Amino acid sequence: MKLTNEGIKDRAAWEAKGYSLPKYNREEIIVNTKQNPVWIHFGAGNIFRAFQANVVEELINQGVMNTGLIVAEGYDYEIIEKYNRPCDDLSILATLKADGTVEKKVIGSIVESCILDEEDEREIERLREIFRNPSLQMVSFTITEKGYKTRAYMDKVVGLILERFKAGAFPISIVSMDNCSHNGDKLKEAVVEIAKDWYNEGKCDNDFVNYITNPSVVAFPLTMIDKITPRPDDTVKKMLIADGVEGAEPIVTSKNTYVANFVNAEETEYLVIEDLFPNGRPALEKGGVIFTDRETVDKTEKMKVCTCLNPLHTALAIFGCLLGYNTIHDEMEDEALKRLVTKLGKEEGMKVVVDPKVLSPDEFLDAVLTKRLPNPFMPDTPQRIACDTSQKLPIRFGETIKAYRSSSSLSTESLKIVPLVLAGYLRYLEGIDDNGKQFEQSPDPLLEELKGLPAKDVLKRQDVFGVDLYSDGLAKKVLAIHSEMKGVGNIRKELEAV
């Protein structure tokens, strides 16, 4: 079973192994897309293939859309060269469900792949053609927040937007779908900064700056995206090979990207987008995407990041490292850790949750606790999630502390789980687990600096915790718990007492 246009013509072979295939004439979709592109996406990674591409797949299957997706890669060209093009841009999505079943699906909605390489005239000219086309409605990104700070990458993107301006100043929506706070604002800031620099250097007219700063013509909506898509899993690879799928062995590129003809992902997913599309947009709401106003997008992000998911992840990351766990789902088999994150979310977080209305915080949290974190198919690790913890604590816990302090009916004196997690972080910084053995902490820009400080001084760092922990009794409570955690076996004792 070969994942190519020719290979999937043998529908019976694929379907006999449980794979669903495109239900449309893919050649027609390819022609339509090349003539009238609607959506181009930068970042040919796993979340795009598992989420956005699958939404479009369903909409093409339903007849809601008659064009597909174009993907462009500007960081690791080997993704396109070694996976996309040899597979005719087809991909296998393995959805790993919490009940232990796997849904296997061939995705055909990505119909063209491009390389953002200005040194290759053929590649860059094709991208210019796409940007010059009035039909283009959306340019989206999953290149990580770091990508917007990479001048070489963003220079190329702004160059393509300049092509659109020169072709007729056509409207467009430029959409960050990266998992970072106020992502649209960060993307706009990067684009506008470059445009202004170019104007000052005489590389463009001020009219171009006016074009990209006019939200009725060029929009930068906020989004909130949530879906766990780990790198290709060995269990899934073996399953596909046993099915007879050729080329399922992942390739590691020279830039250390794991590339395979499949992507594995959890079933739960959320994409909430500020509805700013001056050139129109596809009817993605028919595929489960939520369109709303800016304030509501902001609230969904705060709900996720401050209460319903990210604080739980960080708590499991810290204690997972301290207790020697290697997977998040194994931690959720530990009754003490399961109780910890349940109380953190349901008892302490929910009292100050921001309710966005378009998503239910209770339902979101229940899915996290019962489906997402315990999913044995999702091989996420506490060590990965523990990366950059010092940068995450201000939002994931500092905002909850602020909300308690500003409430007329709540007090931080009632908090038990938040101080326990912060005490765990102090112990984590020491690099000694509950068995008294050393472990290597995950990468963090402040790690070496914080490791060198006494615990009482770490707690003075408002840049780490987002608040002054000494302005009430929180710091004292955290230090007391941390003191009880010293020695062998005492981290477990503190968790069991929750």
Protein backbone atom coordinates (compact mmCIF):
# COMPACT_ATOMS: atom_id res chain seq x y z
CA MET A 1 0.00 0.00 0.00
CA LYS A 2 1.80 3.07 -1.29
CA LEU A 3 0.72 6.54 -0.14
CA THR A 4 0.57 8.26 -3.53
CA ASN A 5 -2.16 9.31 -5.93
CA GLU A 6 -1.62 6.09 -7.84
CA GLY A 7 -1.37 3.98 -4.69
CA ILE A 8 -4.70 5.02 -3.20
CA LYS A 9 -6.54 4.11 -6.42
CA ASP A 10 -6.62 0.60 -4.97
CA ARG A 11 -9.35 1.69 -2.57
CA ALA A 12 -10.34 -1.86 -1.67
CA ALA A 13 -6.87 -2.64 -0.24
CA TRP A 14 -6.85 0.48 1.94
CA GLU A 15 -10.45 0.15 3.08
CA ALA A 16 -9.95 -3.52 3.94
CA LYS A 17 -7.34 -2.38 6.49
CA GLY A 18 -9.73 0.18 7.99
CA TYR A 19 -8.55 3.37 6.28
CA SER A 20 -11.05 6.01 5.14
CA LEU A 21 -10.09 7.67 1.85
CA PRO A 22 -10.96 10.99 0.17
CA LYS A 23 -14.53 10.90 -1.15
CA TYR A 24 -13.94 13.52 -3.86
CA ASN A 25 -12.18 13.92 -7.18
CA ARG A 26 -8.78 15.07 -5.96
CA GLU A 27 -7.58 16.09 -9.42
CA GLU A 28 -10.47 18.57 -9.68
CA ILE A 29 -9.63 20.00 -6.24
CA ILE A 30 -5.97 20.40 -7.25
CA VAL A 31 -6.92 22.29 -10.43
CA ASN A 32 -9.40 24.51 -8.57
CA THR A 33 -6.84 25.32 -5.89
CA LYS A 34 -4.04 26.19 -8.30
CA GLN A 35 -6.33 28.48 -10.29
CA ASN A 36 -8.09 30.10 -7.33
CA PRO A 37 -6.16 29.55 -4.10
CA VAL A 38 -8.10 30.36 -0.95
CA TRP A 39 -5.85 29.30 1.94
CA ILE A 40 -2.08 28.95 2.21
CA HIS A 41 -0.46 27.76 5.42
CA PHE A 42 3.15 28.22 6.58
CA GLY A 43 4.55 25.44 8.74
CA ALA A 44 4.24 21.88 7.39
CA GLY A 45 4.25 20.32 10.84
CA ASN A 46 2.16 17.78 12.68
CA ILE A 47 -0.57 20.00 14.11
CA PHE A 48 -1.34 21.43 10.67
CA ARG A 49 -1.58 17.97 9.13
CA ALA A 50 -3.68 16.59 12.00
CA PHE A 51 -6.01 19.54 12.55
CA GLN A 52 -6.41 22.18 9.86
CA ALA A 53 -5.90 19.74 6.99
CA ASN A 54 -8.44 17.35 8.50
CA VAL A 55 -11.05 20.11 8.89
CA VAL A 56 -10.65 20.99 5.20
CA GLU A 57 -10.74 17.29 4.28
CA GLU A 58 -14.14 16.94 5.90
CA LEU A 59 -15.47 20.09 4.25
CA ILE A 60 -14.35 18.95 0.79
CA ASN A 61 -15.92 15.55 1.46
CA GLN A 62 -19.18 17.32 2.34
CA GLY A 63 -19.05 19.55 -0.74
CA VAL A 64 -18.75 22.68 1.40
CA MET A 65 -15.36 23.56 -0.15
CA ASN A 66 -14.10 22.95 -3.67
CA THR A 67 -10.50 24.04 -3.06
CA GLY A 68 -7.83 22.53 -0.87
CA LEU A 69 -4.85 23.73 1.12
CA ILE A 70 -1.45 24.90 -0.03
CA VAL A 71 1.34 24.41 2.48
CA ALA A 72 4.67 26.25 2.53
CA GLU A 73 7.73 25.43 4.60
CA GLY A 74 10.31 28.08 5.37
CA TYR A 75 12.49 26.43 8.00
CA ASP A 76 13.10 22.78 7.15
CA TYR A 77 12.86 22.25 3.39
CA GLU A 78 13.47 18.51 3.77
CA ILE A 79 9.91 18.10 5.11
CA ILE A 80 8.64 19.03 1.65
CA GLU A 81 11.37 17.23 -0.26
CA LYS A 82 11.35 13.96 1.70
CA TYR A 83 7.73 13.62 2.75
CA ASN A 84 5.22 15.91 0.98
CA ARG A 85 6.25 15.58 -2.64
CA PRO A 86 7.14 11.87 -2.68
CA CYS A 87 3.68 11.19 -1.18
CA ASP A 88 1.88 13.55 -3.61
CA ASP A 89 1.08 15.66 -0.50
CA LEU A 90 -1.11 12.86 0.91
CA SER A 91 -0.91 12.07 4.60
CA ILE A 92 -2.23 9.49 7.04
CA LEU A 93 -3.94 10.74 10.19
CA ALA A 94 -4.03 8.25 13.06
CA THR A 95 -6.42 9.58 15.69
CA LEU A 96 -5.59 7.96 19.02
CA LYS A 97 -8.73 7.77 21.11
CA ALA A 98 -8.90 7.48 24.87
CA ASP A 99 -10.93 4.26 24.61
CA GLY A 100 -7.97 2.55 22.95
CA THR A 101 -9.24 2.62 19.38
CA VAL A 102 -7.39 4.16 16.44
CA GLU A 103 -9.11 5.91 13.55
CA LYS A 104 -7.05 5.74 10.35
CA LYS A 105 -7.65 8.22 7.57
CA VAL A 106 -5.90 9.30 4.37
CA ILE A 107 -5.93 13.10 4.10
CA GLY A 108 -5.93 14.55 0.57
CA SER A 109 -6.83 18.17 1.28
CA ILE A 110 -3.22 19.39 1.04
CA VAL A 111 -2.88 19.67 -2.72
CA GLU A 112 0.32 21.67 -3.19
CA SER A 113 3.53 22.12 -1.21
CA CYS A 114 5.95 25.02 -1.58
CA ILE A 115 9.37 25.93 -0.27
CA LEU A 116 9.97 29.45 1.01
CA ASP A 117 13.38 29.81 -0.58
CA GLU A 118 14.21 33.10 -2.28
CA GLU A 119 17.33 31.54 -3.80
CA ASP A 120 15.19 29.13 -5.81
CA GLU A 121 13.45 31.32 -8.39
CA ARG A 122 10.93 28.66 -9.37
CA GLU A 123 9.85 28.07 -5.76
CA ILE A 124 9.58 31.73 -4.77
CA GLU A 125 7.83 32.71 -8.00
CA ARG A 126 5.10 30.16 -7.38
CA LEU A 127 4.53 31.66 -3.92
CA ARG A 128 4.41 35.13 -5.44
CA GLU A 129 1.76 33.94 -7.90
CA ILE A 130 -0.35 32.66 -5.03
CA PHE A 131 -0.07 35.92 -3.10
CA ARG A 132 -0.89 37.99 -6.19
CA ASN A 133 -4.14 36.08 -6.75
CA PRO A 134 -7.23 38.08 -5.62
CA SER A 135 -8.95 34.81 -4.60
CA LEU A 136 -6.56 34.25 -1.66
CA GLN A 137 -8.46 34.79 1.60
CA MET A 138 -6.22 33.48 4.35
CA VAL A 139 -2.53 33.08 5.11
CA SER A 140 -2.01 31.08 8.30
CA PHE A 141 0.98 30.02 10.39
CA THR A 142 2.12 27.33 12.80
CA ILE A 143 5.82 28.20 12.96
CA THR A 144 6.02 28.70 16.79
CA GLU A 145 6.34 32.06 18.49
CA LYS A 146 10.08 31.96 17.83
CA GLY A 147 9.35 32.02 14.10
CA TYR A 148 7.93 35.54 14.32
CA LYS A 149 11.18 36.67 15.88
CA THR A 150 13.28 35.11 13.12
CA ARG A 151 14.03 38.04 10.82
CA ALA A 152 15.20 35.97 7.84
CA TYR A 153 11.94 34.00 7.82
CA MET A 154 9.65 36.98 8.33
CA ASP A 155 11.47 39.05 5.71
CA LYS A 156 10.44 36.46 3.10
CA VAL A 157 6.83 36.50 4.32
CA VAL A 158 6.63 40.29 4.19
CA GLY A 159 8.12 40.16 0.70
CA LEU A 160 5.16 38.00 -0.37
CA ILE A 161 2.66 40.39 1.24
CA LEU A 162 4.37 43.21 -0.68
CA GLU A 163 3.72 41.24 -3.89
CA ARG A 164 0.01 41.19 -3.03
CA PHE A 165 0.06 44.92 -2.38
CA LYS A 166 1.74 45.63 -5.73
CA ALA A 167 -0.74 43.38 -7.55
CA GLY A 168 -3.71 45.45 -6.40
CA ALA A 169 -3.60 45.91 -2.62
CA PHE A 170 -6.06 43.03 -2.31
CA PRO A 171 -7.50 42.33 1.15
CA ILE A 172 -6.21 39.37 3.15
CA SER A 173 -6.36 37.83 6.62
CA ILE A 174 -3.00 36.83 8.10
CA VAL A 175 -3.69 34.33 10.85
CA SER A 176 -1.36 33.01 13.52
CA MET A 177 -2.50 29.59 14.71
CA ASP A 178 0.46 29.13 17.02
CA ASN A 179 -0.10 28.20 20.64
CA CYS A 180 0.96 31.48 22.24
CA SER A 181 -0.79 34.37 23.94
CA HIS A 182 -2.16 37.11 21.66
CA ASN A 183 -0.62 35.36 18.69
CA GLY A 184 -2.19 37.65 16.08
CA ASP A 185 -0.75 40.72 17.75
CA LYS A 186 2.72 39.17 17.84
CA LEU A 187 2.52 38.28 14.14
CA LYS A 188 1.30 41.76 13.22
CA GLU A 189 4.06 43.37 15.27
CA ALA A 190 6.71 41.38 13.39
CA VAL A 191 5.24 42.18 9.96
CA VAL A 192 4.71 45.89 10.64
CA GLU A 193 8.20 46.32 12.10
CA ILE A 194 9.78 44.92 8.93
CA ALA A 195 7.55 47.03 6.67
CA LYS A 196 8.50 50.20 8.55
CA ASP A 197 12.19 49.28 8.35
CA TRP A 198 11.84 48.76 4.62
CA TYR A 199 10.13 52.12 4.21
CA ASN A 200 12.94 53.82 6.15
CA GLU A 201 15.47 52.04 3.94
CA GLY A 202 13.61 53.05 0.77
CA LYS A 203 12.63 49.49 -0.12
CA CYS A 204 8.88 50.24 -0.19
CA ASP A 205 6.47 53.16 -0.18
CA ASN A 206 4.58 54.37 2.87
CA ASP A 207 1.44 53.17 1.11
CA PHE A 208 2.56 49.62 1.85
CA VAL A 209 2.88 50.41 5.55
CA ASN A 210 -0.61 51.94 5.45
CA TYR A 211 -1.91 48.81 3.68
CA ILE A 212 -0.74 46.33 6.29
CA THR A 213 -1.78 48.56 9.21
CA ASN A 214 -5.32 49.00 7.89
CA PRO A 215 -7.39 46.24 9.61
CA SER A 216 -10.22 46.60 7.10
CA VAL A 217 -7.80 45.46 4.38
CA VAL A 218 -5.14 43.36 6.15
CA ALA A 219 -6.35 41.66 9.33
CA PHE A 220 -4.38 39.79 12.00
CA PRO A 221 -7.01 37.89 14.02
CA LEU A 222 -6.34 36.32 17.39
CA THR A 223 -6.79 32.56 17.68
CA MET A 224 -6.78 29.90 20.38
CA ILE A 225 -5.70 26.45 19.23
CA ASP A 226 -5.51 23.28 21.28
CA LYS A 227 -4.65 19.78 20.09
CA ILE A 228 -1.88 17.46 21.21
CA THR A 229 0.13 16.13 18.25
CA PRO A 230 3.33 14.39 19.40
CA ARG A 231 6.03 13.35 16.99
CA PRO A 232 5.43 10.10 15.06
CA ASP A 233 4.88 7.31 17.58
CA ASP A 234 6.62 3.95 17.28
CA THR A 235 3.45 1.99 18.09
CA VAL A 236 1.55 3.71 15.28
CA LYS A 237 4.46 3.16 12.89
CA LYS A 238 4.44 -0.58 13.61
CA MET A 239 0.67 -0.70 13.13
CA LEU A 240 0.89 0.96 9.71
CA ILE A 241 3.76 -1.27 8.61
CA ALA A 242 1.75 -4.33 9.67
CA ASP A 243 -1.12 -2.99 7.54
CA GLY A 244 1.23 -2.93 4.56
CA VAL A 245 1.76 0.84 4.31
CA GLU A 246 5.06 1.61 2.57
CA GLY A 247 7.36 4.38 3.82
CA ALA A 248 5.96 4.54 7.36
CA GLU A 249 9.44 4.60 8.91
CA PRO A 250 10.04 8.19 10.11
CA ILE A 251 12.90 10.21 8.65
CA VAL A 252 14.98 12.53 10.81
CA THR A 253 16.02 15.58 8.81
CA SER A 254 19.34 17.36 9.13
CA LYS A 255 17.48 19.93 11.29
CA ASN A 256 16.32 17.11 13.59
CA THR A 257 12.68 17.18 12.46
CA TYR A 258 10.89 13.84 12.67
CA VAL A 259 9.03 13.38 9.38
CA ALA A 260 6.76 10.50 8.45
CA ASN A 261 3.95 9.86 6.01
CA PHE A 262 1.64 9.70 9.04
CA VAL A 263 0.80 11.91 11.99
CA ASN A 264 -0.69 10.70 15.26
CA ALA A 265 -2.88 12.95 17.40
CA GLU A 266 -5.51 12.98 20.13
CA GLU A 267 -9.18 13.24 19.19
CA THR A 268 -9.92 16.39 21.22
CA GLU A 269 -9.33 19.67 19.41
CA TYR A 270 -10.32 23.32 19.64
CA LEU A 271 -9.77 26.23 17.27
CA VAL A 272 -11.34 29.58 18.13
CA ILE A 273 -10.74 32.45 15.69
CA GLU A 274 -11.49 36.16 15.81
CA ASP A 275 -13.79 36.68 12.83
CA LEU A 276 -11.73 39.22 10.84
CA PHE A 277 -11.61 38.23 7.19
CA PRO A 278 -11.73 41.26 4.85
CA ASN A 279 -11.58 39.04 1.73
CA GLY A 280 -14.09 36.49 3.03
CA ARG A 281 -13.24 33.05 4.38
CA PRO A 282 -14.08 29.35 4.02
CA ALA A 283 -17.05 28.07 6.06
CA LEU A 284 -14.77 26.39 8.60
CA GLU A 285 -17.46 26.61 11.27
CA LYS A 286 -19.06 23.64 9.48
CA GLY A 287 -15.94 21.71 10.43
CA GLY A 288 -16.07 22.64 14.11
CA VAL A 289 -14.01 25.85 14.10
CA ILE A 290 -15.50 28.57 16.31
CA PHE A 291 -15.58 32.13 14.94
CA THR A 292 -16.21 34.88 17.46
CA ASP A 293 -15.07 38.31 18.64
CA ARG A 294 -11.66 39.32 19.96
CA GLU A 295 -12.69 39.42 23.62
CA THR A 296 -14.09 35.88 23.47
CA VAL A 297 -10.92 34.49 21.87
CA ASP A 298 -8.96 36.10 24.68
CA LYS A 299 -11.25 34.49 27.26
CA THR A 300 -10.91 31.02 25.74
CA GLU A 301 -7.15 31.37 25.88
CA LYS A 302 -7.25 32.44 29.54
CA MET A 303 -9.61 29.58 30.36
CA LYS A 304 -7.17 27.06 28.87
CA VAL A 305 -3.88 28.61 29.95
CA CYS A 306 -4.83 29.81 33.43
CA THR A 307 -7.25 27.11 34.60
CA CYS A 308 -8.33 24.12 32.55
CA LEU A 309 -5.20 22.67 30.94
CA ASN A 310 -1.83 24.37 31.24
CA PRO A 311 -1.62 24.60 35.06
CA LEU A 312 -2.47 20.90 35.26
CA HIS A 313 0.22 20.10 32.69
CA THR A 314 2.84 22.06 34.63
CA ALA A 315 1.88 20.43 37.95
CA LEU A 316 2.24 16.98 36.36
CA ALA A 317 5.51 18.01 34.71
CA ILE A 318 7.08 19.11 38.01
CA PHE A 319 5.96 16.13 40.07
CA GLY A 320 6.50 13.70 37.22
CA CYS A 321 10.19 14.65 37.18
CA LEU A 322 10.38 14.42 40.97
CA LEU A 323 8.74 11.00 41.11
CA GLY A 324 10.52 9.47 38.12
CA TYR A 325 7.64 9.25 35.66
CA ASN A 326 8.28 9.23 31.91
CA THR A 327 4.76 9.70 30.55
CA ILE A 328 1.83 11.91 31.48
CA HIS A 329 -0.70 9.11 31.12
CA ASP A 330 1.22 6.99 33.65
CA GLU A 331 1.03 9.88 36.10
CA MET A 332 -2.75 9.89 35.75
CA GLU A 333 -2.70 6.25 37.00
CA ASP A 334 -1.16 7.59 40.23
CA GLU A 335 -4.14 8.36 42.49
CA ALA A 336 -2.27 11.08 44.39
CA LEU A 337 -1.30 12.94 41.20
CA LYS A 338 -4.74 12.47 39.67
CA ARG A 339 -6.28 13.91 42.85
CA LEU A 340 -3.77 16.79 42.78
CA VAL A 341 -4.67 17.98 39.27
CA THR A 342 -8.39 17.34 39.77
CA LYS A 343 -8.43 19.57 42.85
CA LEU A 344 -6.18 22.13 41.14
CA GLY A 345 -8.66 22.47 38.30
CA LYS A 346 -12.05 21.80 39.86
CA GLU A 347 -11.62 23.27 43.32
CA GLU A 348 -9.08 26.06 43.06
CA GLY A 349 -9.09 27.07 39.40
CA MET A 350 -12.82 26.91 38.72
CA LYS A 351 -13.55 29.48 41.43
CA VAL A 352 -11.89 32.17 39.31
CA VAL A 353 -12.18 30.71 35.79
CA VAL A 354 -12.87 33.05 32.88
CA ASP A 355 -15.96 31.66 31.13
CA PRO A 356 -15.81 32.41 27.38
CA LYS A 357 -19.38 31.06 26.84
CA VAL A 358 -18.50 29.56 23.42
CA LEU A 359 -16.77 26.69 25.26
CA SER A 360 -17.85 25.29 28.62
CA PRO A 361 -15.00 25.39 31.18
CA ASP A 362 -16.51 22.40 33.01
CA GLU A 363 -16.73 20.30 29.85
CA PHE A 364 -13.25 21.40 28.73
CA LEU A 365 -11.76 20.43 32.12
CA ASP A 366 -13.63 17.13 32.22
CA ALA A 367 -12.22 16.24 28.78
CA VAL A 368 -8.71 17.09 30.03
CA LEU A 369 -9.07 14.94 33.15
CA THR A 370 -10.93 11.97 31.68
CA LYS A 371 -9.81 11.78 28.03
CA ARG A 372 -6.74 13.82 27.29
CA LEU A 373 -4.28 13.42 30.15
CA PRO A 374 -5.01 9.68 30.77
CA ASN A 375 -4.87 8.75 27.06
CA PRO A 376 -2.31 5.90 26.89
CA PHE A 377 -1.77 6.55 23.18
CA MET A 378 -0.45 10.07 23.77
CA PRO A 379 3.22 9.58 24.66
CA ASP A 380 3.81 13.04 26.09
CA THR A 381 6.44 13.34 28.80
CA PRO A 382 6.73 15.45 31.96
CA GLN A 383 10.30 16.23 30.91
CA ARG A 384 9.11 17.86 27.67
CA ILE A 385 6.38 19.85 29.40
CA ALA A 386 8.85 20.97 32.10
CA CYS A 387 10.84 22.92 29.49
CA ASP A 388 10.82 26.69 30.16
CA THR A 389 8.78 26.31 33.36
CA SER A 390 10.04 29.66 34.68
CA GLN A 391 8.43 31.34 31.68
CA LYS A 392 5.10 29.56 32.20
CA LEU A 393 4.47 30.03 35.94
CA PRO A 394 3.39 33.72 35.77
CA ILE A 395 0.43 32.89 33.51
CA ARG A 396 -0.39 29.38 34.71
CA PHE A 397 -0.40 30.23 38.43
CA GLY A 398 0.22 33.96 38.84
CA GLU A 399 -3.10 34.86 37.21
CA THR A 400 -5.03 32.59 39.60
CA ILE A 401 -3.28 34.15 42.58
CA LYS A 402 -4.16 37.63 41.28
CA ALA A 403 -7.80 36.62 40.86
CA TYR A 404 -7.98 35.32 44.43
CA ARG A 405 -6.42 38.50 45.76
CA SER A 406 -8.80 40.75 43.85
CA SER A 407 -11.90 38.78 44.86
CA SER A 408 -14.12 40.07 47.66
CA SER A 409 -15.14 36.52 48.60
CA LEU A 410 -11.88 34.59 48.16
CA SER A 411 -8.49 34.62 49.86
CA THR A 412 -5.15 33.03 48.98
CA GLU A 413 -5.23 31.56 52.51
CA SER A 414 -7.66 28.95 51.14
CA LEU A 415 -5.21 27.83 48.43
CA LYS A 416 -3.62 24.45 49.11
CA ILE A 417 -2.73 22.96 45.74
CA VAL A 418 -1.14 26.04 44.16
CA PRO A 419 1.36 26.45 47.06
CA LEU A 420 2.08 22.72 46.90
CA VAL A 421 2.95 22.96 43.20
CA LEU A 422 5.18 26.00 43.80
CA ALA A 423 6.94 24.14 46.62
CA GLY A 424 7.40 21.25 44.21
CA TYR A 425 9.02 23.67 41.78
CA LEU A 426 11.52 24.73 44.46
CA ARG A 427 12.40 21.08 45.00
CA TYR A 428 12.58 20.57 41.21
CA LEU A 429 15.17 23.38 41.00
CA GLU A 430 17.37 21.40 43.41
CA GLY A 431 17.52 18.52 40.89
CA ILE A 432 16.99 15.84 43.56
CA ASP A 433 14.08 13.43 43.14
CA ASP A 434 12.00 11.81 45.88
CA ASN A 435 14.42 8.88 46.06
CA GLY A 436 17.28 11.26 46.78
CA LYS A 437 18.79 10.80 43.34
CA GLN A 438 19.92 13.57 41.00
CA PHE A 439 17.98 14.17 37.79
CA GLU A 440 18.58 16.51 34.89
CA GLN A 441 16.15 19.40 34.72
CA SER A 442 14.65 20.36 31.38
CA PRO A 443 16.01 23.34 29.41
CA ASP A 444 14.94 26.73 30.78
CA PRO A 445 16.52 30.18 30.20
CA LEU A 446 16.54 30.96 33.95
CA LEU A 447 17.45 27.49 35.21
CA GLU A 448 21.09 28.10 36.15
CA GLU A 449 20.31 31.46 37.73
CA LEU A 450 17.44 30.14 39.86
CA LYS A 451 19.33 26.99 40.90
CA GLY A 452 21.93 29.22 42.51
CA LEU A 453 19.46 31.04 44.76
CA PRO A 454 18.12 30.04 48.19
CA ALA A 455 14.45 29.03 48.10
CA LYS A 456 13.33 32.18 49.92
CA ASP A 457 15.03 34.33 47.27
CA VAL A 458 13.56 32.34 44.36
CA LEU A 459 10.11 33.20 45.72
CA LYS A 460 10.98 36.92 45.55
CA ARG A 461 11.20 36.73 41.77
CA GLN A 462 8.06 38.40 40.45
CA ASP A 463 9.27 37.76 36.90
CA VAL A 464 8.97 34.02 37.64
CA PHE A 465 5.72 33.95 39.58
CA GLY A 466 3.93 36.97 38.15
CA VAL A 467 3.12 38.32 41.62
CA ASP A 468 4.77 39.27 44.90
CA LEU A 469 4.35 36.07 46.91
CA TYR A 470 5.49 37.90 50.05
CA SER A 471 2.61 40.40 50.00
CA ASP A 472 0.44 37.87 51.87
CA GLY A 473 1.07 34.50 53.49
CA LEU A 474 1.71 32.55 50.28
CA ALA A 475 5.51 32.62 50.36
CA LYS A 476 5.53 31.46 53.97
CA LYS A 477 3.15 28.60 53.10
CA VAL A 478 5.24 27.55 50.09
CA LEU A 479 8.46 27.55 52.14
CA ALA A 480 6.81 25.48 54.88
CA ILE A 481 5.67 22.82 52.37
CA HIS A 482 9.08 22.85 50.70
CA SER A 483 10.73 22.24 54.07
CA GLU A 484 8.46 19.24 54.66
CA MET A 485 9.46 17.87 51.24
CA LYS A 486 13.14 17.62 52.12
CA GLY A 487 14.65 14.16 52.34
CA VAL A 488 13.63 10.86 50.80
CA GLY A 489 9.96 9.95 50.34
CA ASN A 490 8.58 13.21 51.67
CA ILE A 491 7.38 14.59 48.33
CA ARG A 492 5.11 11.54 48.14
CA LYS A 493 3.94 12.14 51.71
CA GLU A 494 2.94 15.73 50.91
CA LEU A 495 1.01 14.55 47.83
CA GLU A 496 -0.75 11.79 49.76
CA ALA A 497 -1.90 14.38 52.31
CA VAL A 498 -3.80 16.40 49.68
